[in-house]
Amino acid sequence: MNNEDDIKLLCLYHNKALINTDRPFLFNIQCGASEMDTHLPMQGDDVGDNISARNRHWSEMTGLYWAWKHMEKVPYVGLCSYRRFFNFQLDGGKPIAILDIAQGQKFVDNYTLPAAQDLFRDADVVAPVPYTYAYSIARVCSMNYNDEDFAVLQRVVKEKYPEYLDAYRVHLYENNKMIGHNMFIMNWDTFTRYCSWVFDILLEVERRIDPTHYPIHQVRVFGYMHEILLEVFIKKNKLRVKQSQILWVDANAKKTHFNSFFYRAAANIVYRVSRLLQPNYQHLAKKKLHQA
């Protein structure tokens, strides 16, 4: 069996594609298709059991939901997008390689994946190189999203999957690194188990919060929650992770501070010092969460 049969990467689109590709291991899905006037020449996420109409708040998760419900079983399944791909030519642990559209087109025209047996010889999941922050992930969430939404998320995890609560707390309150963009590759059984778990949580959270009038930077709240829950699932189940750099295609390609060794070193120092200066932060956070 060749790699084209072993792995299918869900390549998720939500509007006019920056790059079109017919690479056989990519499964192209148009997200939010039910709400769009233009239908791209690919599978839409609005067929059968779907949440396509909620794409504004769920982002690429509407495509993931459709695939979980409808795609045929394959040995390994993953998620990328029309402008973010796994790049297995890792550059010194840097999270991102940013290319302009012309460079990105050349990359995708020749895009290949390592053989599945090589990718998963010593790993259970392929995930992006994590971003490093100067703060805990809980504080990053607080700076960018509504605190109450994440209090609701924690309550739902506690109610439905209490065995995951410690992993959730550790990831948010005792950690300053996070994998981004909901990207992963895992075997089919892990994929279906993960999707069943994560959508059970997020659909319940959706019943309890209303992001209809959120500003644009907060409106995709369920997609952001998924980023957090993906890593909680990985940590709780002690899945071995192989890290891959993200290749990001951007019409206005520019540098990112996440790639800077000096930024990452400084962020780690700031985070560790803040933990020393605020030794009660973890305790107070957990106390508040127990009350959530």
C-alpha atoms as a PDB file:
ATOM      1  CA  MET A   1       0.000   0.000   0.000  1.00  0.00           C
ATOM      2  CA  ASN A   2       1.468   3.368  -0.946  1.00  0.00           C
ATOM      3  CA  ASN A   3       1.267   6.550   1.076  1.00  0.00           C
ATOM      4  CA  GLU A   4      -1.563   7.948  -1.035  1.00  0.00           C
ATOM      5  CA  ASP A   5      -3.752   5.146   0.309  1.00  0.00           C
ATOM      6  CA  ASP A   6      -2.436   5.281   3.879  1.00  0.00           C
ATOM      7  CA  ILE A   7      -3.073   8.943   4.726  1.00  0.00           C
ATOM      8  CA  LYS A   8      -5.809  11.391   3.817  1.00  0.00           C
ATOM      9  CA  LEU A   9      -5.311  15.011   4.805  1.00  0.00           C
ATOM     10  CA  LEU A  10      -8.530  17.003   5.020  1.00  0.00           C
ATOM     11  CA  CYS A  11      -7.627  20.227   3.219  1.00  0.00           C
ATOM     12  CA  LEU A  12     -10.247  22.701   4.379  1.00  0.00           C
ATOM     13  CA  TYR A  13     -11.365  25.719   2.359  1.00  0.00           C
ATOM     14  CA  HIS A  14     -13.821  28.456   3.338  1.00  0.00           C
ATOM     15  CA  ASN A  15     -13.645  30.843   0.384  1.00  0.00           C
ATOM     16  CA  LYS A  16     -11.825  31.310  -2.907  1.00  0.00           C
ATOM     17  CA  ALA A  17      -8.718  29.187  -2.687  1.00  0.00           C
ATOM     18  CA  LEU A  18      -5.274  30.705  -2.689  1.00  0.00           C
ATOM     19  CA  ILE A  19      -3.953  27.443  -4.085  1.00  0.00           C
ATOM     20  CA  ASN A  20      -5.678  24.711  -6.045  1.00  0.00           C
ATOM     21  CA  THR A  21      -4.138  21.283  -5.922  1.00  0.00           C
ATOM     22  CA  ASP A  22      -4.986  17.774  -7.020  1.00  0.00           C
ATOM     23  CA  ARG A  23      -2.509  15.979  -4.757  1.00  0.00           C
ATOM     24  CA  PRO A  24      -4.089  12.536  -4.268  1.00  0.00           C
ATOM     25  CA  PHE A  25      -3.632  12.396  -0.491  1.00  0.00           C
ATOM     26  CA  LEU A  26      -5.491  15.693   0.022  1.00  0.00           C
ATOM     27  CA  PHE A  27      -9.259  15.492   0.575  1.00  0.00           C
ATOM     28  CA  ASN A  28     -10.536  18.991  -0.259  1.00  0.00           C
ATOM     29  CA  ILE A  29     -13.646  20.182   1.617  1.00  0.00           C
ATOM     30  CA  GLN A  30     -15.393  23.548   1.307  1.00  0.00           C
ATOM     31  CA  CYS A  31     -16.369  24.683   4.801  1.00  0.00           C
ATOM     32  CA  GLY A  32     -19.499  26.723   5.386  1.00  0.00           C
ATOM     33  CA  ALA A  33     -20.778  25.699   1.957  1.00  0.00           C
ATOM     34  CA  SER A  34     -24.432  26.021   2.980  1.00  0.00           C
ATOM     35  CA  GLU A  35     -23.993  29.765   3.555  1.00  0.00           C
ATOM     36  CA  MET A  36     -22.029  30.576   0.387  1.00  0.00           C
ATOM     37  CA  ASP A  37     -23.161  31.685  -3.039  1.00  0.00           C
ATOM     38  CA  THR A  38     -20.029  30.291  -4.680  1.00  0.00           C
ATOM     39  CA  HIS A  39     -19.446  26.563  -4.577  1.00  0.00           C
ATOM     40  CA  LEU A  40     -15.879  25.427  -5.118  1.00  0.00           C
ATOM     41  CA  PRO A  41     -15.143  22.319  -7.211  1.00  0.00           C
ATOM     42  CA  MET A  42     -14.806  20.015  -4.215  1.00  0.00           C
ATOM     43  CA  GLN A  43     -16.818  18.276  -1.528  1.00  0.00           C
ATOM     44  CA  GLY A  44     -19.023  20.641   0.466  1.00  0.00           C
ATOM     45  CA  ASP A  45     -19.584  20.263   4.193  1.00  0.00           C
ATOM     46  CA  ASP A  46     -23.356  20.785   3.762  1.00  0.00           C
ATOM     47  CA  VAL A  47     -24.360  17.248   2.751  1.00  0.00           C
ATOM     48  CA  GLY A  48     -26.015  14.825   5.140  1.00  0.00           C
ATOM     49  CA  ASP A  49     -25.399  15.201   8.878  1.00  0.00           C
ATOM     50  CA  ASN A  50     -23.563  18.529   9.081  1.00  0.00           C
ATOM     51  CA  ILE A  51     -23.015  21.801  10.965  1.00  0.00           C
ATOM     52  CA  SER A  52     -22.120  23.798   7.851  1.00  0.00           C
ATOM     53  CA  ALA A  53     -24.424  26.727   8.696  1.00  0.00           C
ATOM     54  CA  ARG A  54     -22.457  27.371  11.898  1.00  0.00           C
ATOM     55  CA  ASN A  55     -19.129  27.898  10.121  1.00  0.00           C
ATOM     56  CA  ARG A  56     -18.937  31.534  11.227  1.00  0.00           C
ATOM     57  CA  HIS A  57     -18.435  30.407  14.820  1.00  0.00           C
ATOM     58  CA  TRP A  58     -16.893  26.985  14.214  1.00  0.00           C
ATOM     59  CA  SER A  59     -14.428  27.838  11.437  1.00  0.00           C
ATOM     60  CA  GLU A  60     -12.783  24.762   9.869  1.00  0.00           C
ATOM     61  CA  MET A  61     -14.443  22.507  12.443  1.00  0.00           C
ATOM     62  CA  THR A  62     -17.517  22.294  10.210  1.00  0.00           C
ATOM     63  CA  GLY A  63     -15.368  20.453   7.650  1.00  0.00           C
ATOM     64  CA  LEU A  64     -13.909  18.199  10.327  1.00  0.00           C
ATOM     65  CA  TYR A  65     -17.412  17.358  11.551  1.00  0.00           C
ATOM     66  CA  TRP A  66     -18.529  16.448   8.030  1.00  0.00           C
ATOM     67  CA  ALA A  67     -15.499  14.196   7.511  1.00  0.00           C
ATOM     68  CA  TRP A  68     -16.057  12.438  10.838  1.00  0.00           C
ATOM     69  CA  LYS A  69     -19.632  11.690   9.880  1.00  0.00           C
ATOM     70  CA  HIS A  70     -19.170  10.813   6.205  1.00  0.00           C
ATOM     71  CA  MET A  71     -15.696   9.984   4.917  1.00  0.00           C
ATOM     72  CA  GLU A  72     -14.645   6.416   4.237  1.00  0.00           C
ATOM     73  CA  LYS A  73     -12.265   4.756   6.656  1.00  0.00           C
ATOM     74  CA  VAL A  74      -8.559   5.159   5.929  1.00  0.00           C
ATOM     75  CA  PRO A  75      -5.552   4.076   8.028  1.00  0.00           C
ATOM     76  CA  TYR A  76      -4.610   7.674   8.925  1.00  0.00           C
ATOM     77  CA  VAL A  77      -6.483  10.954   8.686  1.00  0.00           C
ATOM     78  CA  GLY A  78      -5.335  14.512   9.297  1.00  0.00           C
ATOM     79  CA  LEU A  79      -6.306  18.133   8.934  1.00  0.00           C
ATOM     80  CA  CYS A  80      -4.646  21.043   7.173  1.00  0.00           C
ATOM     81  CA  SER A  81      -6.034  23.936   5.120  1.00  0.00           C
ATOM     82  CA  TYR A  82      -5.653  25.615   1.753  1.00  0.00           C
ATOM     83  CA  ARG A  83      -2.939  27.869   3.146  1.00  0.00           C
ATOM     84  CA  ARG A  84      -1.404  25.834   6.001  1.00  0.00           C
ATOM     85  CA  PHE A  85       0.346  22.547   5.352  1.00  0.00           C
ATOM     86  CA  PHE A  86       2.615  20.243   7.297  1.00  0.00           C
ATOM     87  CA  ASN A  87       6.202  20.818   6.270  1.00  0.00           C
ATOM     88  CA  PHE A  88       8.377  17.882   7.252  1.00  0.00           C
ATOM     89  CA  GLN A  89      11.602  19.659   6.321  1.00  0.00           C
ATOM     90  CA  LEU A  90      11.836  21.058   9.828  1.00  0.00           C
ATOM     91  CA  ASP A  91      13.962  24.187  10.210  1.00  0.00           C
ATOM     92  CA  GLY A  92      15.579  24.161  13.634  1.00  0.00           C
ATOM     93  CA  GLY A  93      12.329  23.804  15.556  1.00  0.00           C
ATOM     94  CA  LYS A  94      10.814  26.980  14.119  1.00  0.00           C
ATOM     95  CA  PRO A  95       7.019  26.711  14.162  1.00  0.00           C
ATOM     96  CA  ILE A  96       6.346  28.371  10.794  1.00  0.00           C
ATOM     97  CA  ALA A  97       7.799  28.697   7.326  1.00  0.00           C
ATOM     98  CA  ILE A  98       5.992  31.559   5.554  1.00  0.00           C
ATOM     99  CA  LEU A  99       5.870  31.618   1.756  1.00  0.00           C
ATOM    100  CA  ASP A 100       4.249  33.986  -0.687  1.00  0.00           C
ATOM    101  CA  ILE A 101       1.675  32.592  -3.087  1.00  0.00           C
ATOM    102  CA  ALA A 102       4.120  31.870  -5.915  1.00  0.00           C
ATOM    103  CA  GLN A 103       6.452  29.999  -3.568  1.00  0.00           C
ATOM    104  CA  GLY A 104       3.500  28.243  -1.959  1.00  0.00           C
ATOM    105  CA  GLN A 105       2.174  27.090  -5.312  1.00  0.00           C
ATOM    106  CA  LYS A 106       5.542  25.566  -6.132  1.00  0.00           C
ATOM    107  CA  PHE A 107       5.590  23.802  -2.767  1.00  0.00           C
ATOM    108  CA  VAL A 108       2.103  22.345  -3.184  1.00  0.00           C
ATOM    109  CA  ASP A 109       2.715  21.277  -6.781  1.00  0.00           C
ATOM    110  CA  ASN A 110       5.481  19.062  -5.424  1.00  0.00           C
ATOM    111  CA  TYR A 111       3.956  18.313  -2.013  1.00  0.00           C
ATOM    112  CA  THR A 112       4.677  14.846  -0.665  1.00  0.00           C
ATOM    113  CA  LEU A 113       4.259  13.131   2.677  1.00  0.00           C
ATOM    114  CA  PRO A 114       6.673  10.751   4.356  1.00  0.00           C
ATOM    115  CA  ALA A 115       5.538   7.134   4.427  1.00  0.00           C
ATOM    116  CA  ALA A 116       3.073   6.444   7.215  1.00  0.00           C
ATOM    117  CA  GLN A 117       5.344   3.796   8.722  1.00  0.00           C
ATOM    118  CA  ASP A 118       8.052   6.442   9.043  1.00  0.00           C
ATOM    119  CA  LEU A 119       5.765   9.110  10.475  1.00  0.00           C
ATOM    120  CA  PHE A 120       4.254   6.833  13.081  1.00  0.00           C
ATOM    121  CA  ARG A 121       7.151   4.539  13.924  1.00  0.00           C
ATOM    122  CA  ASP A 122       7.711   6.363  17.229  1.00  0.00           C
ATOM    123  CA  ALA A 123       4.588   8.522  17.382  1.00  0.00           C
ATOM    124  CA  ASP A 124       0.818   8.318  17.749  1.00  0.00           C
ATOM    125  CA  VAL A 125       0.021  11.810  16.472  1.00  0.00           C
ATOM    126  CA  VAL A 126       1.637  14.313  14.139  1.00  0.00           C
ATOM    127  CA  ALA A 127       1.044  17.895  15.294  1.00  0.00           C
ATOM    128  CA  PRO A 128       2.542  21.339  14.634  1.00  0.00           C
ATOM    129  CA  VAL A 129       5.567  22.649  16.485  1.00  0.00           C
ATOM    130  CA  PRO A 130       3.935  24.528  19.397  1.00  0.00           C
ATOM    131  CA  TYR A 131       3.919  28.294  19.754  1.00  0.00           C
ATOM    132  CA  THR A 132       5.652  29.706  22.848  1.00  0.00           C
ATOM    133  CA  TYR A 133       4.015  32.488  24.868  1.00  0.00           C
ATOM    134  CA  ALA A 134       5.192  34.695  27.718  1.00  0.00           C
ATOM    135  CA  TYR A 135       2.039  33.785  29.643  1.00  0.00           C
ATOM    136  CA  SER A 136       0.053  30.728  30.592  1.00  0.00           C
ATOM    137  CA  ILE A 137      -2.415  29.522  27.972  1.00  0.00           C
ATOM    138  CA  ALA A 138      -5.215  30.525  30.360  1.00  0.00           C
ATOM    139  CA  ARG A 139      -3.959  34.101  30.301  1.00  0.00           C
ATOM    140  CA  VAL A 140      -3.595  34.020  26.517  1.00  0.00           C
ATOM    141  CA  CYS A 141      -7.243  32.932  26.330  1.00  0.00           C
ATOM    142  CA  SER A 142      -8.244  35.693  28.746  1.00  0.00           C
ATOM    143  CA  MET A 143      -6.413  38.317  26.673  1.00  0.00           C
ATOM    144  CA  ASN A 144      -8.146  37.299  23.456  1.00  0.00           C
ATOM    145  CA  TYR A 145     -11.498  35.753  24.365  1.00  0.00           C
ATOM    146  CA  ASN A 146     -14.272  35.928  26.961  1.00  0.00           C
ATOM    147  CA  ASP A 147     -13.345  34.408  30.313  1.00  0.00           C
ATOM    148  CA  GLU A 148     -16.882  33.198  30.902  1.00  0.00           C
ATOM    149  CA  ASP A 149     -16.829  31.135  27.695  1.00  0.00           C
ATOM    150  CA  PHE A 150     -13.850  29.182  28.991  1.00  0.00           C
ATOM    151  CA  ALA A 151     -15.478  28.825  32.397  1.00  0.00           C
ATOM    152  CA  VAL A 152     -18.386  27.221  30.546  1.00  0.00           C
ATOM    153  CA  LEU A 153     -15.977  24.995  28.610  1.00  0.00           C
ATOM    154  CA  GLN A 154     -14.412  23.827  31.848  1.00  0.00           C
ATOM    155  CA  ARG A 155     -17.782  23.127  33.432  1.00  0.00           C
ATOM    156  CA  VAL A 156     -18.756  21.005  30.455  1.00  0.00           C
ATOM    157  CA  VAL A 157     -15.480  19.036  30.591  1.00  0.00           C
ATOM    158  CA  LYS A 158     -15.996  18.528  34.326  1.00  0.00           C
ATOM    159  CA  GLU A 159     -19.582  17.355  33.859  1.00  0.00           C
ATOM    160  CA  LYS A 160     -19.103  15.103  30.854  1.00  0.00           C
ATOM    161  CA  TYR A 161     -15.504  13.897  31.135  1.00  0.00           C
ATOM    162  CA  PRO A 162     -14.228  14.522  34.680  1.00  0.00           C
ATOM    163  CA  GLU A 163     -11.246  12.260  34.042  1.00  0.00           C
ATOM    164  CA  TYR A 164      -9.963  14.946  31.628  1.00  0.00           C
ATOM    165  CA  LEU A 165     -10.252  17.834  34.075  1.00  0.00           C
ATOM    166  CA  ASP A 166      -6.717  17.631  35.465  1.00  0.00           C
ATOM    167  CA  ALA A 167      -5.222  17.519  31.963  1.00  0.00           C
ATOM    168  CA  TYR A 168      -7.351  20.532  31.019  1.00  0.00           C
ATOM    169  CA  ARG A 169      -6.157  22.519  34.039  1.00  0.00           C
ATOM    170  CA  VAL A 170      -2.519  21.624  33.563  1.00  0.00           C
ATOM    171  CA  HIS A 171      -2.622  22.628  29.909  1.00  0.00           C
ATOM    172  CA  LEU A 172      -4.254  25.993  30.605  1.00  0.00           C
ATOM    173  CA  TYR A 173      -2.689  27.020  33.910  1.00  0.00           C
ATOM    174  CA  GLU A 174       0.689  25.316  34.090  1.00  0.00           C
ATOM    175  CA  ASN A 175       1.885  25.640  30.525  1.00  0.00           C
ATOM    176  CA  ASN A 176       2.904  28.373  28.073  1.00  0.00           C
ATOM    177  CA  LYS A 177       3.042  26.385  24.820  1.00  0.00           C
ATOM    178  CA  MET A 178       0.251  25.470  22.438  1.00  0.00           C
ATOM    179  CA  ILE A 179      -0.077  23.817  19.062  1.00  0.00           C
ATOM    180  CA  GLY A 180      -2.100  25.897  16.638  1.00  0.00           C
ATOM    181  CA  HIS A 181      -4.544  25.836  13.761  1.00  0.00           C
ATOM    182  CA  ASN A 182      -6.291  22.572  14.712  1.00  0.00           C
ATOM    183  CA  MET A 183      -3.817  20.578  12.621  1.00  0.00           C
ATOM    184  CA  PHE A 184      -3.038  16.913  13.261  1.00  0.00           C
ATOM    185  CA  ILE A 185      -2.596  13.476  11.711  1.00  0.00           C
ATOM    186  CA  MET A 186      -3.643  10.343  13.634  1.00  0.00           C
ATOM    187  CA  ASN A 187      -4.862   6.829  12.986  1.00  0.00           C
ATOM    188  CA  TRP A 188      -8.503   6.237  12.180  1.00  0.00           C
ATOM    189  CA  ASP A 189      -9.508   4.721  15.526  1.00  0.00           C
ATOM    190  CA  THR A 190      -7.938   7.603  17.465  1.00  0.00           C
ATOM    191  CA  PHE A 191      -9.522  10.075  15.049  1.00  0.00           C
ATOM    192  CA  THR A 192     -13.060   8.738  15.524  1.00  0.00           C
ATOM    193  CA  ARG A 193     -12.615   8.507  19.294  1.00  0.00           C
ATOM    194  CA  TYR A 194     -11.274  12.047  19.381  1.00  0.00           C
ATOM    195  CA  CYS A 195     -14.058  13.501  17.225  1.00  0.00           C
ATOM    196  CA  SER A 196     -16.748  11.803  19.302  1.00  0.00           C
ATOM    197  CA  TRP A 197     -15.217  13.309  22.449  1.00  0.00           C
ATOM    198  CA  VAL A 198     -14.482  16.819  21.195  1.00  0.00           C
ATOM    199  CA  PHE A 199     -17.775  17.412  19.391  1.00  0.00           C
ATOM    200  CA  ASP A 200     -19.733  16.076  22.366  1.00  0.00           C
ATOM    201  CA  ILE A 201     -18.066  18.788  24.445  1.00  0.00           C
ATOM    202  CA  LEU A 202     -18.250  21.640  21.951  1.00  0.00           C
ATOM    203  CA  LEU A 203     -21.859  21.047  20.942  1.00  0.00           C
ATOM    204  CA  GLU A 204     -22.833  21.233  24.613  1.00  0.00           C
ATOM    205  CA  VAL A 205     -20.814  24.448  25.055  1.00  0.00           C
ATOM    206  CA  GLU A 206     -22.639  25.847  22.022  1.00  0.00           C
ATOM    207  CA  ARG A 207     -25.951  25.299  23.820  1.00  0.00           C
ATOM    208  CA  ARG A 208     -24.748  27.484  26.699  1.00  0.00           C
ATOM    209  CA  ILE A 209     -23.087  30.484  25.035  1.00  0.00           C
ATOM    210  CA  ASP A 210     -24.134  32.813  22.216  1.00  0.00           C
ATOM    211  CA  PRO A 211     -21.276  34.355  20.178  1.00  0.00           C
ATOM    212  CA  THR A 212     -23.628  35.976  17.645  1.00  0.00           C
ATOM    213  CA  HIS A 213     -22.521  39.525  18.433  1.00  0.00           C
ATOM    214  CA  TYR A 214     -18.876  38.852  19.243  1.00  0.00           C
ATOM    215  CA  PRO A 215     -16.236  41.012  17.513  1.00  0.00           C
ATOM    216  CA  ILE A 216     -14.485  39.464  14.537  1.00  0.00           C
ATOM    217  CA  HIS A 217     -11.413  38.354  16.498  1.00  0.00           C
ATOM    218  CA  GLN A 218     -13.591  36.382  18.948  1.00  0.00           C
ATOM    219  CA  VAL A 219     -16.338  35.063  16.722  1.00  0.00           C
ATOM    220  CA  ARG A 220     -14.647  31.735  15.901  1.00  0.00           C
ATOM    221  CA  VAL A 221     -14.700  30.741  19.536  1.00  0.00           C
ATOM    222  CA  PHE A 222     -15.444  27.036  18.991  1.00  0.00           C
ATOM    223  CA  GLY A 223     -12.534  26.682  16.588  1.00  0.00           C
ATOM    224  CA  TYR A 224     -10.238  28.182  19.211  1.00  0.00           C
ATOM    225  CA  MET A 225     -11.643  25.904  21.908  1.00  0.00           C
ATOM    226  CA  HIS A 226     -10.915  22.976  19.632  1.00  0.00           C
ATOM    227  CA  GLU A 227      -7.238  23.955  19.521  1.00  0.00           C
ATOM    228  CA  ILE A 228      -7.107  23.697  23.299  1.00  0.00           C
ATOM    229  CA  LEU A 229      -9.074  20.459  23.511  1.00  0.00           C
ATOM    230  CA  LEU A 230      -6.908  18.762  20.884  1.00  0.00           C
ATOM    231  CA  GLU A 231      -3.882  19.158  23.112  1.00  0.00           C
ATOM    232  CA  VAL A 232      -5.835  18.159  26.237  1.00  0.00           C
ATOM    233  CA  PHE A 233      -6.847  14.944  24.476  1.00  0.00           C
ATOM    234  CA  ILE A 234      -3.252  14.252  23.439  1.00  0.00           C
ATOM    235  CA  LYS A 235      -1.893  14.847  26.937  1.00  0.00           C
ATOM    236  CA  LYS A 236      -4.590  12.932  28.811  1.00  0.00           C
ATOM    237  CA  ASN A 237      -4.176   9.887  26.587  1.00  0.00           C
ATOM    238  CA  LYS A 238      -0.369  10.136  26.709  1.00  0.00           C
ATOM    239  CA  LEU A 239      -0.145  10.088  22.919  1.00  0.00           C
ATOM    240  CA  ARG A 240       3.378  10.347  21.538  1.00  0.00           C
ATOM    241  CA  VAL A 241       3.716  13.413  19.328  1.00  0.00           C
ATOM    242  CA  LYS A 242       5.892  13.961  16.278  1.00  0.00           C
ATOM    243  CA  GLN A 243       6.248  17.681  15.652  1.00  0.00           C
ATOM    244  CA  SER A 244       6.106  19.233  12.209  1.00  0.00           C
ATOM    245  CA  GLN A 245       6.706  22.771  11.111  1.00  0.00           C
ATOM    246  CA  ILE A 246       3.743  24.521   9.465  1.00  0.00           C
ATOM    247  CA  LEU A 247       4.194  25.897   5.979  1.00  0.00           C
ATOM    248  CA  TRP A 248       1.979  28.982   5.811  1.00  0.00           C
ATOM    249  CA  VAL A 249       1.097  30.512   2.438  1.00  0.00           C
ATOM    250  CA  ASP A 250       0.447  34.229   2.768  1.00  0.00           C
ATOM    251  CA  ALA A 251       0.008  36.814   0.019  1.00  0.00           C
ATOM    252  CA  ASN A 252       1.809  39.285   2.284  1.00  0.00           C
ATOM    253  CA  ALA A 253       4.512  36.940   3.513  1.00  0.00           C
ATOM    254  CA  LYS A 254       6.452  38.378   6.420  1.00  0.00           C
ATOM    255  CA  LYS A 255       8.449  37.238   9.415  1.00  0.00           C
ATOM    256  CA  THR A 256       6.851  36.131  12.684  1.00  0.00           C
ATOM    257  CA  HIS A 257       8.239  36.574  16.179  1.00  0.00           C
ATOM    258  CA  PHE A 258       7.295  32.959  16.984  1.00  0.00           C
ATOM    259  CA  ASN A 259      10.260  31.858  14.858  1.00  0.00           C
ATOM    260  CA  SER A 260      12.767  33.975  16.758  1.00  0.00           C
ATOM    261  CA  PHE A 261      15.028  32.020  19.097  1.00  0.00           C
ATOM    262  CA  PHE A 262      15.471  35.155  21.209  1.00  0.00           C
ATOM    263  CA  TYR A 263      11.717  35.702  21.475  1.00  0.00           C
ATOM    264  CA  ARG A 264      11.113  32.091  22.520  1.00  0.00           C
ATOM    265  CA  ALA A 265      13.912  32.240  25.106  1.00  0.00           C
ATOM    266  CA  ALA A 266      12.653  35.560  26.487  1.00  0.00           C
ATOM    267  CA  ALA A 267       9.042  34.329  26.586  1.00  0.00           C
ATOM    268  CA  ASN A 268      10.075  31.252  28.562  1.00  0.00           C
ATOM    269  CA  ILE A 269      12.027  33.405  31.028  1.00  0.00           C
ATOM    270  CA  VAL A 270       9.127  35.825  31.515  1.00  0.00           C
ATOM    271  CA  TYR A 271       6.730  32.929  32.054  1.00  0.00           C
ATOM    272  CA  ARG A 272       8.962  31.192  34.594  1.00  0.00           C
ATOM    273  CA  VAL A 273       9.671  34.404  36.491  1.00  0.00           C
ATOM    274  CA  SER A 274       5.961  35.214  36.619  1.00  0.00           C
ATOM    275  CA  ARG A 275       5.314  31.793  38.122  1.00  0.00           C
ATOM    276  CA  LEU A 276       7.959  32.466  40.787  1.00  0.00           C
ATOM    277  CA  LEU A 277       6.589  35.917  41.574  1.00  0.00           C
ATOM    278  CA  GLN A 278       2.988  34.694  41.671  1.00  0.00           C
ATOM    279  CA  PRO A 279       3.241  31.307  43.388  1.00  0.00           C
ATOM    280  CA  ASN A 280      -0.424  31.419  44.356  1.00  0.00           C
ATOM    281  CA  TYR A 281      -1.649  31.983  40.795  1.00  0.00           C
ATOM    282  CA  GLN A 282      -2.053  28.290  40.086  1.00  0.00           C
ATOM    283  CA  HIS A 283      -3.836  27.687  43.398  1.00  0.00           C
ATOM    284  CA  LEU A 284      -6.189  30.639  42.968  1.00  0.00           C
ATOM    285  CA  ALA A 285      -6.935  29.639  39.392  1.00  0.00           C
ATOM    286  CA  LYS A 286      -7.805  26.101  40.433  1.00  0.00           C
ATOM    287  CA  LYS A 287      -9.954  27.394  43.287  1.00  0.00           C
ATOM    288  CA  LYS A 288     -11.887  29.567  40.851  1.00  0.00           C
ATOM    289  CA  LEU A 289     -12.244  26.653  38.457  1.00  0.00           C
ATOM    290  CA  HIS A 290     -13.568  24.395  41.202  1.00  0.00           C
ATOM    291  CA  GLN A 291     -16.305  26.977  41.671  1.00  0.00           C
ATOM    292  CA  ALA A 292     -17.068  27.100  37.935  1.00  0.00           C
END
